[in-house]
Amino acid sequence: MGTRSSLKALGLLVCVCAASGAWAVDIYVDGDAPGANNGTSWVNAYRYLQDALAVAQPGDTIKVAQGVYKPDQATGPVTGGRAATFRLATGVAVLGGFAGYGLPPWPSDDRNTLLYPSVLSGDLSGNDTSVDPCDSAAVDAILTHATRQDNCYSVVTASYTNLTAILDGFTILGGIANGASQKRGGGLLCVQGSPTIRNCVVKVCA
């Protein structure tokens, strides 16, 4: 291939890459947002994380404000019951720990995972009782605890993703992988995947 042809090919490649990146957007999620529920800003943020995941495209970033988010909650269709899960997607970054609409100055893009915790909870009914992590017998009994038998099997699923599927800045709790065929991945289930997980805490005893 001649020099001129090579430059043409390179130019085409640059144009294609620039075009694909140009469409990447930030999608906002905040359970306290009072606006249009369309994800375009903190005021108009989606109130459910599942709604943002449903529309996100490769290259997009989902910014999640402080609060508790459950995988069976959505404005549109969503898997309910114990099979509910937040499913990561290749090319989509999901970032927690934003102040969002809920704290002054409103709205705020400030991010601090300690001050503004974003929690992904598998406690669908909100009835989990606390377990002392120092009580080994109580910890061992979590899988059969009465208040946890309606929790989702896996709070987050990242199967068949690559490194561009990003989850950053969340506390994950309440998943109970005690189904007949679901014996692992209560916090995060990843089969043949390699997502990027950063600044996340998975709690077993919360």
N, C-alpha and C. Protein backbone atom coordinates (compact mmCIF):
# COMPACT_ATOMS: atom_id res chain seq x y z
N MET A 1 0.86 -1.20 0.00
CA MET A 1 0.00 0.00 0.00
C MET A 1 0.89 1.24 0.00
N GLY A 2 0.61 2.21 -0.91
CA GLY A 2 1.41 3.42 -1.01
C GLY A 2 1.17 4.35 0.15
N THR A 3 2.04 5.38 0.24
CA THR A 3 1.94 6.34 1.34
C THR A 3 0.61 7.06 1.32
N ARG A 4 0.16 7.48 0.10
CA ARG A 4 -1.10 8.22 0.00
C ARG A 4 -2.27 7.35 0.43
N SER A 5 -2.26 6.08 0.00
CA SER A 5 -3.34 5.16 0.38
C SER A 5 -3.35 4.92 1.87
N SER A 6 -2.13 4.81 2.45
CA SER A 6 -2.04 4.59 3.89
C SER A 6 -2.61 5.76 4.66
N LEU A 7 -2.31 6.98 4.19
CA LEU A 7 -2.83 8.17 4.86
C LEU A 7 -4.34 8.24 4.75
N LYS A 8 -4.87 7.86 3.60
CA LYS A 8 -6.32 7.85 3.43
C LYS A 8 -6.97 6.87 4.40
N ALA A 9 -6.37 5.67 4.50
CA ALA A 9 -6.91 4.65 5.41
C ALA A 9 -6.85 5.12 6.85
N LEU A 10 -5.71 5.76 7.22
CA LEU A 10 -5.56 6.27 8.58
C LEU A 10 -6.58 7.37 8.85
N GLY A 11 -6.78 8.24 7.87
CA GLY A 11 -7.75 9.31 8.02
C GLY A 11 -9.14 8.76 8.22
N LEU A 12 -9.50 7.73 7.47
CA LEU A 12 -10.81 7.10 7.63
C LEU A 12 -10.96 6.50 9.00
N LEU A 13 -9.89 5.85 9.50
CA LEU A 13 -9.94 5.23 10.82
C LEU A 13 -10.13 6.29 11.89
N VAL A 14 -9.41 7.42 11.78
CA VAL A 14 -9.54 8.49 12.75
C VAL A 14 -10.95 9.05 12.74
N CYS A 15 -11.52 9.23 11.56
CA CYS A 15 -12.87 9.76 11.44
C CYS A 15 -13.89 8.82 12.08
N VAL A 16 -13.73 7.53 11.83
CA VAL A 16 -14.65 6.56 12.41
C VAL A 16 -14.56 6.56 13.92
N CYS A 17 -13.33 6.57 14.46
CA CYS A 17 -13.15 6.57 15.91
C CYS A 17 -13.70 7.83 16.54
N ALA A 18 -13.47 8.96 15.89
CA ALA A 18 -13.97 10.22 16.43
C ALA A 18 -15.48 10.25 16.43
N ALA A 19 -16.07 9.69 15.36
CA ALA A 19 -17.53 9.68 15.28
C ALA A 19 -18.14 8.81 16.36
N SER A 20 -17.52 7.64 16.62
CA SER A 20 -18.07 6.75 17.63
C SER A 20 -17.97 7.36 19.02
N GLY A 21 -16.85 8.08 19.31
CA GLY A 21 -16.69 8.70 20.61
C GLY A 21 -17.58 9.91 20.81
N ALA A 22 -17.94 10.56 19.68
CA ALA A 22 -18.70 11.79 19.78
C ALA A 22 -20.09 11.57 20.36
N TRP A 23 -20.57 10.35 20.28
CA TRP A 23 -21.93 10.07 20.72
C TRP A 23 -21.98 9.63 22.18
N ALA A 24 -20.83 9.46 22.82
CA ALA A 24 -20.82 9.05 24.22
C ALA A 24 -21.43 10.14 25.09
N VAL A 25 -22.26 9.74 26.06
CA VAL A 25 -22.94 10.71 26.91
C VAL A 25 -22.84 10.29 28.37
N ASP A 26 -23.06 11.26 29.26
CA ASP A 26 -23.23 10.98 30.68
C ASP A 26 -24.71 10.79 30.96
N ILE A 27 -25.03 9.74 31.70
CA ILE A 27 -26.41 9.45 32.08
C ILE A 27 -26.49 9.54 33.60
N TYR A 28 -27.46 10.28 34.11
CA TYR A 28 -27.54 10.58 35.53
C TYR A 28 -28.64 9.76 36.20
N VAL A 29 -28.33 9.29 37.43
CA VAL A 29 -29.28 8.52 38.23
C VAL A 29 -29.31 9.08 39.64
N ASP A 30 -30.51 9.42 40.11
CA ASP A 30 -30.67 9.96 41.47
C ASP A 30 -32.11 9.71 41.89
N GLY A 31 -32.29 8.91 42.92
CA GLY A 31 -33.62 8.59 43.40
C GLY A 31 -34.40 9.78 43.91
N ASP A 32 -33.73 10.90 44.18
CA ASP A 32 -34.39 12.10 44.68
C ASP A 32 -34.65 13.15 43.60
N ALA A 33 -34.28 12.87 42.37
CA ALA A 33 -34.41 13.87 41.32
C ALA A 33 -35.89 14.20 41.06
N PRO A 34 -36.23 15.50 40.95
CA PRO A 34 -37.62 15.89 40.81
C PRO A 34 -38.06 16.12 39.37
N GLY A 35 -37.13 15.98 38.41
CA GLY A 35 -37.41 16.43 37.05
C GLY A 35 -38.05 15.39 36.14
N ALA A 36 -37.59 15.38 34.89
CA ALA A 36 -38.26 14.65 33.82
C ALA A 36 -37.97 13.15 33.80
N ASN A 37 -37.07 12.65 34.68
CA ASN A 37 -36.77 11.21 34.74
C ASN A 37 -36.27 10.69 33.39
N ASN A 38 -35.35 11.47 32.76
CA ASN A 38 -34.83 11.04 31.47
C ASN A 38 -33.30 10.91 31.45
N GLY A 39 -32.66 11.13 32.59
CA GLY A 39 -31.22 10.88 32.71
C GLY A 39 -30.31 11.93 32.12
N THR A 40 -30.83 13.08 31.71
CA THR A 40 -30.01 14.07 31.01
C THR A 40 -29.26 15.01 31.93
N SER A 41 -29.60 15.07 33.21
CA SER A 41 -28.95 15.96 34.17
C SER A 41 -29.30 15.46 35.57
N TRP A 42 -28.70 16.08 36.60
CA TRP A 42 -29.06 15.68 37.96
C TRP A 42 -30.51 16.02 38.27
N VAL A 43 -30.99 17.14 37.77
CA VAL A 43 -32.39 17.51 38.02
C VAL A 43 -33.33 16.53 37.33
N ASN A 44 -32.97 16.12 36.12
CA ASN A 44 -33.82 15.22 35.33
C ASN A 44 -33.34 13.78 35.37
N ALA A 45 -32.59 13.42 36.38
CA ALA A 45 -31.98 12.09 36.45
C ALA A 45 -33.02 10.99 36.49
N TYR A 46 -32.62 9.82 35.97
CA TYR A 46 -33.42 8.63 36.18
C TYR A 46 -33.47 8.35 37.68
N ARG A 47 -34.60 7.92 38.15
CA ARG A 47 -34.71 7.61 39.58
C ARG A 47 -34.33 6.16 39.88
N TYR A 48 -34.23 5.34 38.83
CA TYR A 48 -33.83 3.94 39.01
C TYR A 48 -32.61 3.64 38.13
N LEU A 49 -31.64 2.96 38.70
CA LEU A 49 -30.44 2.61 37.95
C LEU A 49 -30.75 1.70 36.77
N GLN A 50 -31.72 0.81 36.91
CA GLN A 50 -32.06 -0.09 35.81
C GLN A 50 -32.47 0.67 34.55
N ASP A 51 -33.14 1.81 34.72
CA ASP A 51 -33.56 2.60 33.55
C ASP A 51 -32.34 3.12 32.79
N ALA A 52 -31.31 3.52 33.53
CA ALA A 52 -30.08 4.00 32.88
C ALA A 52 -29.35 2.86 32.17
N LEU A 53 -29.27 1.71 32.82
CA LEU A 53 -28.61 0.56 32.21
C LEU A 53 -29.33 0.12 30.94
N ALA A 54 -30.63 0.30 30.89
CA ALA A 54 -31.42 -0.14 29.75
C ALA A 54 -31.13 0.68 28.49
N VAL A 55 -30.72 1.94 28.66
CA VAL A 55 -30.51 2.80 27.49
C VAL A 55 -29.04 3.07 27.21
N ALA A 56 -28.14 2.71 28.11
CA ALA A 56 -26.72 3.02 27.95
C ALA A 56 -26.13 2.29 26.74
N GLN A 57 -25.27 3.01 26.02
CA GLN A 57 -24.57 2.47 24.86
C GLN A 57 -23.06 2.46 25.14
N PRO A 58 -22.29 1.64 24.42
CA PRO A 58 -20.84 1.64 24.62
C PRO A 58 -20.25 3.04 24.52
N GLY A 59 -19.43 3.39 25.50
CA GLY A 59 -18.85 4.71 25.59
C GLY A 59 -19.54 5.61 26.60
N ASP A 60 -20.75 5.25 26.99
CA ASP A 60 -21.50 6.07 27.94
C ASP A 60 -21.00 5.87 29.37
N THR A 61 -21.21 6.88 30.20
CA THR A 61 -20.91 6.82 31.62
C THR A 61 -22.18 7.08 32.41
N ILE A 62 -22.51 6.18 33.32
CA ILE A 62 -23.67 6.35 34.19
C ILE A 62 -23.17 6.87 35.53
N LYS A 63 -23.65 8.05 35.92
CA LYS A 63 -23.27 8.66 37.19
C LYS A 63 -24.41 8.47 38.18
N VAL A 64 -24.11 7.83 39.32
CA VAL A 64 -25.15 7.45 40.27
C VAL A 64 -24.96 8.23 41.57
N ALA A 65 -26.01 8.92 42.00
CA ALA A 65 -25.96 9.70 43.23
C ALA A 65 -26.09 8.79 44.44
N GLN A 66 -25.82 9.35 45.59
CA GLN A 66 -25.99 8.64 46.85
C GLN A 66 -27.41 8.08 46.96
N GLY A 67 -27.54 6.99 47.69
CA GLY A 67 -28.85 6.38 47.88
C GLY A 67 -28.77 4.88 47.73
N VAL A 68 -29.90 4.23 47.91
CA VAL A 68 -30.00 2.77 47.81
C VAL A 68 -30.77 2.42 46.55
N TYR A 69 -30.19 1.54 45.75
CA TYR A 69 -30.80 1.13 44.48
C TYR A 69 -30.95 -0.39 44.46
N LYS A 70 -32.14 -0.84 44.02
CA LYS A 70 -32.44 -2.27 44.03
C LYS A 70 -32.70 -2.75 42.60
N PRO A 71 -32.25 -3.96 42.27
CA PRO A 71 -32.32 -4.41 40.88
C PRO A 71 -33.71 -4.76 40.37
N ASP A 72 -34.70 -4.80 41.23
CA ASP A 72 -36.06 -5.09 40.77
C ASP A 72 -36.87 -3.81 40.56
N GLN A 73 -36.22 -2.65 40.64
CA GLN A 73 -36.91 -1.37 40.51
C GLN A 73 -36.57 -0.71 39.19
N ALA A 74 -37.59 -0.31 38.45
CA ALA A 74 -37.41 0.36 37.17
C ALA A 74 -38.73 0.98 36.74
N THR A 75 -38.64 1.97 35.87
CA THR A 75 -39.85 2.54 35.29
C THR A 75 -40.39 1.63 34.19
N GLY A 76 -39.49 1.06 33.40
CA GLY A 76 -39.87 0.15 32.33
C GLY A 76 -39.81 -1.29 32.77
N PRO A 77 -39.92 -2.22 31.82
CA PRO A 77 -39.89 -3.65 32.15
C PRO A 77 -38.57 -4.04 32.82
N VAL A 78 -38.65 -4.88 33.82
CA VAL A 78 -37.46 -5.34 34.51
C VAL A 78 -37.73 -6.71 35.11
N THR A 79 -36.69 -7.53 35.19
CA THR A 79 -36.82 -8.83 35.84
C THR A 79 -37.06 -8.62 37.32
N GLY A 80 -38.09 -9.25 37.85
CA GLY A 80 -38.40 -9.10 39.26
C GLY A 80 -38.03 -10.34 40.05
N GLY A 81 -38.32 -10.31 41.32
CA GLY A 81 -38.05 -11.47 42.17
C GLY A 81 -36.57 -11.71 42.36
N ARG A 82 -36.24 -12.91 42.75
CA ARG A 82 -34.87 -13.22 43.12
C ARG A 82 -33.91 -13.25 41.95
N ALA A 83 -34.42 -13.32 40.73
CA ALA A 83 -33.57 -13.30 39.54
C ALA A 83 -33.16 -11.88 39.14
N ALA A 84 -33.70 -10.87 39.80
CA ALA A 84 -33.34 -9.49 39.48
C ALA A 84 -31.85 -9.26 39.72
N THR A 85 -31.22 -8.50 38.83
CA THR A 85 -29.79 -8.22 38.95
C THR A 85 -29.44 -6.98 38.15
N PHE A 86 -28.41 -6.26 38.58
CA PHE A 86 -27.87 -5.17 37.78
C PHE A 86 -26.85 -5.77 36.83
N ARG A 87 -27.10 -5.68 35.54
CA ARG A 87 -26.24 -6.33 34.56
C ARG A 87 -25.31 -5.31 33.91
N LEU A 88 -24.00 -5.47 34.13
CA LEU A 88 -23.02 -4.59 33.51
C LEU A 88 -22.91 -4.89 32.02
N ALA A 89 -22.47 -3.87 31.27
CA ALA A 89 -22.34 -4.02 29.82
C ALA A 89 -20.96 -3.58 29.37
N THR A 90 -20.42 -4.28 28.42
CA THR A 90 -19.13 -3.91 27.85
C THR A 90 -19.19 -2.50 27.27
N GLY A 91 -18.22 -1.67 27.63
CA GLY A 91 -18.16 -0.32 27.11
C GLY A 91 -18.89 0.72 27.94
N VAL A 92 -19.56 0.30 29.01
CA VAL A 92 -20.34 1.22 29.84
C VAL A 92 -19.71 1.31 31.22
N ALA A 93 -19.45 2.53 31.68
CA ALA A 93 -18.91 2.76 33.02
C ALA A 93 -20.04 3.19 33.95
N VAL A 94 -20.13 2.56 35.12
CA VAL A 94 -21.14 2.90 36.13
C VAL A 94 -20.39 3.40 37.36
N LEU A 95 -20.55 4.68 37.66
CA LEU A 95 -19.80 5.32 38.74
C LEU A 95 -20.74 5.76 39.84
N GLY A 96 -20.44 5.39 41.10
CA GLY A 96 -21.24 5.80 42.24
C GLY A 96 -20.54 6.88 43.05
N GLY A 97 -21.21 7.34 44.10
CA GLY A 97 -20.60 8.27 45.03
C GLY A 97 -20.77 9.73 44.71
N PHE A 98 -21.77 10.09 43.91
CA PHE A 98 -22.00 11.49 43.58
C PHE A 98 -23.00 12.13 44.55
N ALA A 99 -22.82 13.41 44.80
CA ALA A 99 -23.77 14.13 45.64
C ALA A 99 -25.13 14.23 44.97
N GLY A 100 -25.13 14.49 43.66
CA GLY A 100 -26.37 14.53 42.91
C GLY A 100 -27.28 15.67 43.30
N TYR A 101 -28.58 15.42 43.18
CA TYR A 101 -29.56 16.47 43.47
C TYR A 101 -29.82 16.62 44.97
N GLY A 102 -29.59 15.57 45.72
CA GLY A 102 -30.09 15.52 47.09
C GLY A 102 -29.44 16.41 48.11
N LEU A 103 -28.22 16.92 47.85
CA LEU A 103 -27.53 17.76 48.83
C LEU A 103 -27.15 19.10 48.22
N PRO A 104 -27.23 20.18 48.98
CA PRO A 104 -26.81 21.47 48.46
C PRO A 104 -25.30 21.50 48.27
N PRO A 105 -24.76 22.27 47.31
CA PRO A 105 -25.54 23.10 46.39
C PRO A 105 -26.17 22.24 45.29
N TRP A 106 -27.43 22.43 45.02
CA TRP A 106 -28.14 21.62 44.03
C TRP A 106 -28.02 22.21 42.63
N PRO A 107 -27.88 21.41 41.61
CA PRO A 107 -27.42 20.03 41.71
C PRO A 107 -25.90 20.00 41.79
N SER A 108 -25.31 18.89 42.20
CA SER A 108 -23.87 18.85 42.41
C SER A 108 -23.24 17.63 41.75
N ASP A 109 -22.12 17.87 41.05
CA ASP A 109 -21.36 16.79 40.43
C ASP A 109 -20.21 16.35 41.33
N ASP A 110 -20.21 16.83 42.59
CA ASP A 110 -19.17 16.43 43.53
C ASP A 110 -19.22 14.92 43.73
N ARG A 111 -18.05 14.32 43.85
CA ARG A 111 -17.99 12.87 44.03
C ARG A 111 -17.10 12.52 45.21
N ASN A 112 -17.66 11.77 46.15
CA ASN A 112 -16.93 11.29 47.31
C ASN A 112 -17.67 10.06 47.81
N THR A 113 -17.10 8.89 47.62
CA THR A 113 -17.81 7.65 47.93
C THR A 113 -18.06 7.46 49.41
N LEU A 114 -17.29 8.16 50.26
CA LEU A 114 -17.51 8.06 51.71
C LEU A 114 -18.62 8.99 52.16
N LEU A 115 -18.64 10.20 51.61
CA LEU A 115 -19.66 11.18 52.00
C LEU A 115 -21.00 10.89 51.33
N TYR A 116 -20.94 10.36 50.11
CA TYR A 116 -22.16 10.15 49.32
C TYR A 116 -22.25 8.69 48.88
N PRO A 117 -22.48 7.77 49.81
CA PRO A 117 -22.46 6.35 49.45
C PRO A 117 -23.61 5.95 48.52
N SER A 118 -23.25 5.24 47.48
CA SER A 118 -24.22 4.64 46.57
C SER A 118 -24.26 3.14 46.85
N VAL A 119 -25.44 2.64 47.19
CA VAL A 119 -25.58 1.26 47.64
C VAL A 119 -26.43 0.47 46.65
N LEU A 120 -25.91 -0.68 46.23
CA LEU A 120 -26.67 -1.62 45.40
C LEU A 120 -27.11 -2.75 46.32
N SER A 121 -28.41 -2.87 46.54
CA SER A 121 -28.92 -3.79 47.56
C SER A 121 -29.78 -4.89 46.96
N GLY A 122 -29.49 -6.12 47.39
CA GLY A 122 -30.32 -7.25 47.00
C GLY A 122 -31.43 -7.55 47.98
N ASP A 123 -31.54 -6.72 49.02
CA ASP A 123 -32.61 -6.87 50.03
C ASP A 123 -33.89 -6.28 49.46
N LEU A 124 -34.56 -7.03 48.61
CA LEU A 124 -35.69 -6.51 47.84
C LEU A 124 -36.84 -6.07 48.71
N SER A 125 -37.06 -6.74 49.83
CA SER A 125 -38.16 -6.41 50.72
C SER A 125 -37.77 -5.43 51.82
N GLY A 126 -36.49 -5.17 51.96
CA GLY A 126 -36.02 -4.25 52.98
C GLY A 126 -36.19 -4.75 54.39
N ASN A 127 -36.11 -6.07 54.57
CA ASN A 127 -36.36 -6.63 55.90
C ASN A 127 -35.17 -7.41 56.47
N ASP A 128 -33.99 -7.26 55.88
CA ASP A 128 -32.83 -8.00 56.40
C ASP A 128 -32.49 -7.54 57.82
N THR A 129 -32.18 -8.48 58.67
CA THR A 129 -31.69 -8.14 60.00
C THR A 129 -30.17 -8.17 59.99
N SER A 130 -29.55 -7.34 60.81
CA SER A 130 -28.10 -7.26 60.86
C SER A 130 -27.51 -8.53 61.47
N VAL A 131 -26.32 -8.87 60.99
CA VAL A 131 -25.60 -10.03 61.51
C VAL A 131 -24.22 -9.57 61.96
N ASP A 132 -23.84 -9.94 63.15
CA ASP A 132 -22.53 -9.59 63.67
C ASP A 132 -21.45 -10.39 62.94
N PRO A 133 -20.55 -9.73 62.21
CA PRO A 133 -19.53 -10.47 61.46
C PRO A 133 -18.58 -11.25 62.35
N CYS A 134 -18.56 -10.92 63.64
CA CYS A 134 -17.70 -11.66 64.57
C CYS A 134 -18.38 -12.92 65.10
N ASP A 135 -19.66 -13.08 64.80
CA ASP A 135 -20.41 -14.26 65.24
C ASP A 135 -20.38 -15.27 64.11
N SER A 136 -19.44 -16.20 64.16
CA SER A 136 -19.24 -17.13 63.05
C SER A 136 -20.47 -17.99 62.79
N ALA A 137 -21.18 -18.38 63.85
CA ALA A 137 -22.37 -19.20 63.67
C ALA A 137 -23.46 -18.43 62.93
N ALA A 138 -23.62 -17.15 63.28
CA ALA A 138 -24.63 -16.32 62.61
C ALA A 138 -24.26 -16.09 61.15
N VAL A 139 -22.97 -15.88 60.89
CA VAL A 139 -22.53 -15.69 59.51
C VAL A 139 -22.77 -16.94 58.69
N ASP A 140 -22.48 -18.08 59.26
CA ASP A 140 -22.69 -19.36 58.56
C ASP A 140 -24.16 -19.59 58.25
N ALA A 141 -25.04 -19.01 59.07
CA ALA A 141 -26.48 -19.24 58.91
C ALA A 141 -27.15 -18.24 57.97
N ILE A 142 -26.39 -17.32 57.41
CA ILE A 142 -26.99 -16.29 56.56
C ILE A 142 -27.78 -16.88 55.40
N LEU A 143 -27.22 -17.92 54.77
CA LEU A 143 -27.89 -18.49 53.60
C LEU A 143 -29.28 -19.02 53.91
N THR A 144 -29.52 -19.38 55.15
CA THR A 144 -30.82 -19.94 55.50
C THR A 144 -31.64 -19.01 56.39
N HIS A 145 -31.15 -17.80 56.62
CA HIS A 145 -31.85 -16.87 57.50
C HIS A 145 -33.20 -16.50 56.91
N ALA A 146 -34.23 -16.48 57.73
CA ALA A 146 -35.60 -16.28 57.25
C ALA A 146 -35.79 -14.97 56.52
N THR A 147 -35.12 -13.91 56.98
CA THR A 147 -35.35 -12.60 56.36
C THR A 147 -34.64 -12.45 55.02
N ARG A 148 -33.82 -13.42 54.64
CA ARG A 148 -33.03 -13.28 53.41
C ARG A 148 -33.48 -14.22 52.30
N GLN A 149 -34.55 -14.94 52.50
CA GLN A 149 -34.96 -15.91 51.50
C GLN A 149 -35.67 -15.29 50.30
N ASP A 150 -35.96 -13.99 50.38
CA ASP A 150 -36.53 -13.31 49.22
C ASP A 150 -35.54 -12.34 48.60
N ASN A 151 -34.28 -12.37 49.04
CA ASN A 151 -33.24 -11.52 48.45
C ASN A 151 -32.86 -12.03 47.06
N CYS A 152 -32.35 -11.14 46.22
CA CYS A 152 -31.94 -11.58 44.89
C CYS A 152 -30.71 -12.47 44.99
N TYR A 153 -30.55 -13.34 43.99
CA TYR A 153 -29.43 -14.26 44.00
C TYR A 153 -28.09 -13.55 43.80
N SER A 154 -28.05 -12.62 42.85
CA SER A 154 -26.82 -11.87 42.55
C SER A 154 -27.20 -10.41 42.36
N VAL A 155 -26.61 -9.54 43.17
CA VAL A 155 -26.93 -8.12 43.06
C VAL A 155 -26.43 -7.56 41.72
N VAL A 156 -25.22 -7.92 41.34
CA VAL A 156 -24.62 -7.45 40.09
C VAL A 156 -24.17 -8.65 39.28
N THR A 157 -24.37 -8.57 37.96
CA THR A 157 -23.89 -9.61 37.05
C THR A 157 -22.98 -8.97 36.00
N ALA A 158 -21.80 -9.54 35.82
CA ALA A 158 -20.85 -8.99 34.86
C ALA A 158 -20.34 -10.06 33.91
N SER A 159 -21.12 -11.09 33.68
CA SER A 159 -20.69 -12.19 32.83
C SER A 159 -20.52 -11.75 31.37
N TYR A 160 -19.51 -12.33 30.72
CA TYR A 160 -19.26 -12.11 29.29
C TYR A 160 -18.96 -10.65 28.96
N THR A 161 -18.35 -9.94 29.89
CA THR A 161 -17.92 -8.57 29.66
C THR A 161 -16.40 -8.53 29.54
N ASN A 162 -15.87 -7.37 29.13
CA ASN A 162 -14.42 -7.20 29.15
C ASN A 162 -14.06 -6.03 30.06
N LEU A 163 -12.81 -5.59 30.01
CA LEU A 163 -12.32 -4.57 30.93
C LEU A 163 -13.04 -3.23 30.80
N THR A 164 -13.73 -3.01 29.69
CA THR A 164 -14.42 -1.73 29.51
C THR A 164 -15.78 -1.69 30.21
N ALA A 165 -16.19 -2.79 30.80
CA ALA A 165 -17.37 -2.78 31.68
C ALA A 165 -16.88 -2.40 33.07
N ILE A 166 -17.25 -1.21 33.52
CA ILE A 166 -16.66 -0.64 34.74
C ILE A 166 -17.72 -0.43 35.81
N LEU A 167 -17.42 -0.87 37.02
CA LEU A 167 -18.23 -0.57 38.20
C LEU A 167 -17.29 0.04 39.23
N ASP A 168 -17.59 1.28 39.65
CA ASP A 168 -16.64 2.02 40.46
C ASP A 168 -17.40 2.83 41.51
N GLY A 169 -17.10 2.56 42.80
CA GLY A 169 -17.62 3.42 43.86
C GLY A 169 -18.94 3.01 44.46
N PHE A 170 -19.14 1.72 44.70
CA PHE A 170 -20.40 1.24 45.25
C PHE A 170 -20.19 0.33 46.46
N THR A 171 -21.19 0.30 47.31
CA THR A 171 -21.32 -0.75 48.33
C THR A 171 -22.37 -1.72 47.83
N ILE A 172 -22.02 -3.00 47.82
CA ILE A 172 -22.92 -4.05 47.33
C ILE A 172 -23.27 -4.96 48.50
N LEU A 173 -24.56 -5.17 48.71
CA LEU A 173 -24.96 -6.00 49.85
C LEU A 173 -26.30 -6.69 49.56
N GLY A 174 -26.57 -7.70 50.35
CA GLY A 174 -27.89 -8.33 50.34
C GLY A 174 -28.11 -9.43 49.33
N GLY A 175 -27.09 -9.80 48.55
CA GLY A 175 -27.27 -10.91 47.61
C GLY A 175 -27.11 -12.25 48.31
N ILE A 176 -27.97 -13.20 47.97
CA ILE A 176 -27.92 -14.54 48.59
C ILE A 176 -27.98 -15.59 47.49
N ALA A 177 -26.83 -16.16 47.15
CA ALA A 177 -26.76 -17.15 46.08
C ALA A 177 -27.04 -18.55 46.63
N ASN A 178 -28.29 -18.79 46.98
CA ASN A 178 -28.66 -20.09 47.54
C ASN A 178 -29.75 -20.77 46.74
N GLY A 179 -29.81 -20.47 45.44
CA GLY A 179 -30.78 -21.12 44.58
C GLY A 179 -30.34 -22.52 44.19
N ALA A 180 -31.25 -23.25 43.58
CA ALA A 180 -30.94 -24.62 43.18
C ALA A 180 -29.76 -24.69 42.22
N SER A 181 -29.67 -23.70 41.31
CA SER A 181 -28.56 -23.68 40.36
C SER A 181 -27.71 -22.42 40.51
N GLN A 182 -27.97 -21.65 41.52
CA GLN A 182 -27.24 -20.39 41.74
C GLN A 182 -26.51 -20.49 43.08
N LYS A 183 -25.29 -20.97 43.04
CA LYS A 183 -24.54 -21.26 44.26
C LYS A 183 -23.35 -20.34 44.46
N ARG A 184 -23.22 -19.30 43.65
CA ARG A 184 -22.09 -18.39 43.78
C ARG A 184 -22.48 -17.02 43.25
N GLY A 185 -21.71 -16.01 43.66
CA GLY A 185 -21.91 -14.68 43.11
C GLY A 185 -23.03 -13.89 43.74
N GLY A 186 -23.19 -14.00 45.06
CA GLY A 186 -24.23 -13.23 45.72
C GLY A 186 -24.06 -11.73 45.56
N GLY A 187 -22.83 -11.26 45.70
CA GLY A 187 -22.55 -9.85 45.49
C GLY A 187 -22.40 -9.53 44.02
N LEU A 188 -21.49 -10.27 43.36
CA LEU A 188 -21.23 -10.05 41.94
C LEU A 188 -20.96 -11.39 41.27
N LEU A 189 -21.75 -11.69 40.25
CA LEU A 189 -21.58 -12.92 39.49
C LEU A 189 -20.87 -12.60 38.19
N CYS A 190 -19.77 -13.30 37.93
CA CYS A 190 -19.01 -13.04 36.71
C CYS A 190 -18.56 -14.37 36.12
N VAL A 191 -19.20 -14.77 35.03
CA VAL A 191 -18.86 -16.00 34.32
C VAL A 191 -18.23 -15.62 32.99
N GLN A 192 -17.00 -16.05 32.76
CA GLN A 192 -16.27 -15.76 31.52
C GLN A 192 -16.27 -14.26 31.22
N GLY A 193 -16.03 -13.49 32.24
CA GLY A 193 -15.97 -12.04 32.07
C GLY A 193 -14.74 -11.48 32.77
N SER A 194 -14.37 -10.26 32.40
CA SER A 194 -13.23 -9.60 33.04
C SER A 194 -13.52 -8.11 33.19
N PRO A 195 -14.55 -7.76 33.95
CA PRO A 195 -14.89 -6.35 34.13
C PRO A 195 -13.85 -5.63 34.99
N THR A 196 -13.93 -4.32 35.01
CA THR A 196 -13.09 -3.50 35.89
C THR A 196 -13.92 -3.11 37.10
N ILE A 197 -13.53 -3.58 38.28
CA ILE A 197 -14.24 -3.27 39.53
C ILE A 197 -13.29 -2.46 40.40
N ARG A 198 -13.69 -1.23 40.73
CA ARG A 198 -12.83 -0.35 41.52
C ARG A 198 -13.63 0.27 42.66
N ASN A 199 -12.95 0.47 43.79
CA ASN A 199 -13.53 1.23 44.91
C ASN A 199 -14.90 0.71 45.34
N CYS A 200 -15.06 -0.60 45.31
CA CYS A 200 -16.32 -1.22 45.71
C CYS A 200 -16.12 -2.07 46.97
N VAL A 201 -17.15 -2.12 47.78
CA VAL A 201 -17.17 -2.96 48.99
C VAL A 201 -18.34 -3.92 48.88
N VAL A 202 -18.07 -5.21 49.06
CA VAL A 202 -19.13 -6.21 49.06
C VAL A 202 -19.33 -6.68 50.50
N LYS A 203 -20.53 -6.45 51.02
CA LYS A 203 -20.82 -6.79 52.40
C LYS A 203 -21.66 -8.07 52.45
N VAL A 204 -21.23 -8.99 53.31
CA VAL A 204 -21.96 -10.24 53.50
C VAL A 204 -22.92 -10.14 54.66
N CYS A 205 -22.54 -9.43 55.71
CA CYS A 205 -23.28 -9.48 56.96
C CYS A 205 -24.17 -8.26 57.21
N ALA A 206 -24.26 -7.36 56.27
CA ALA A 206 -25.06 -6.14 56.49
C ALA A 206 -26.54 -6.46 56.67
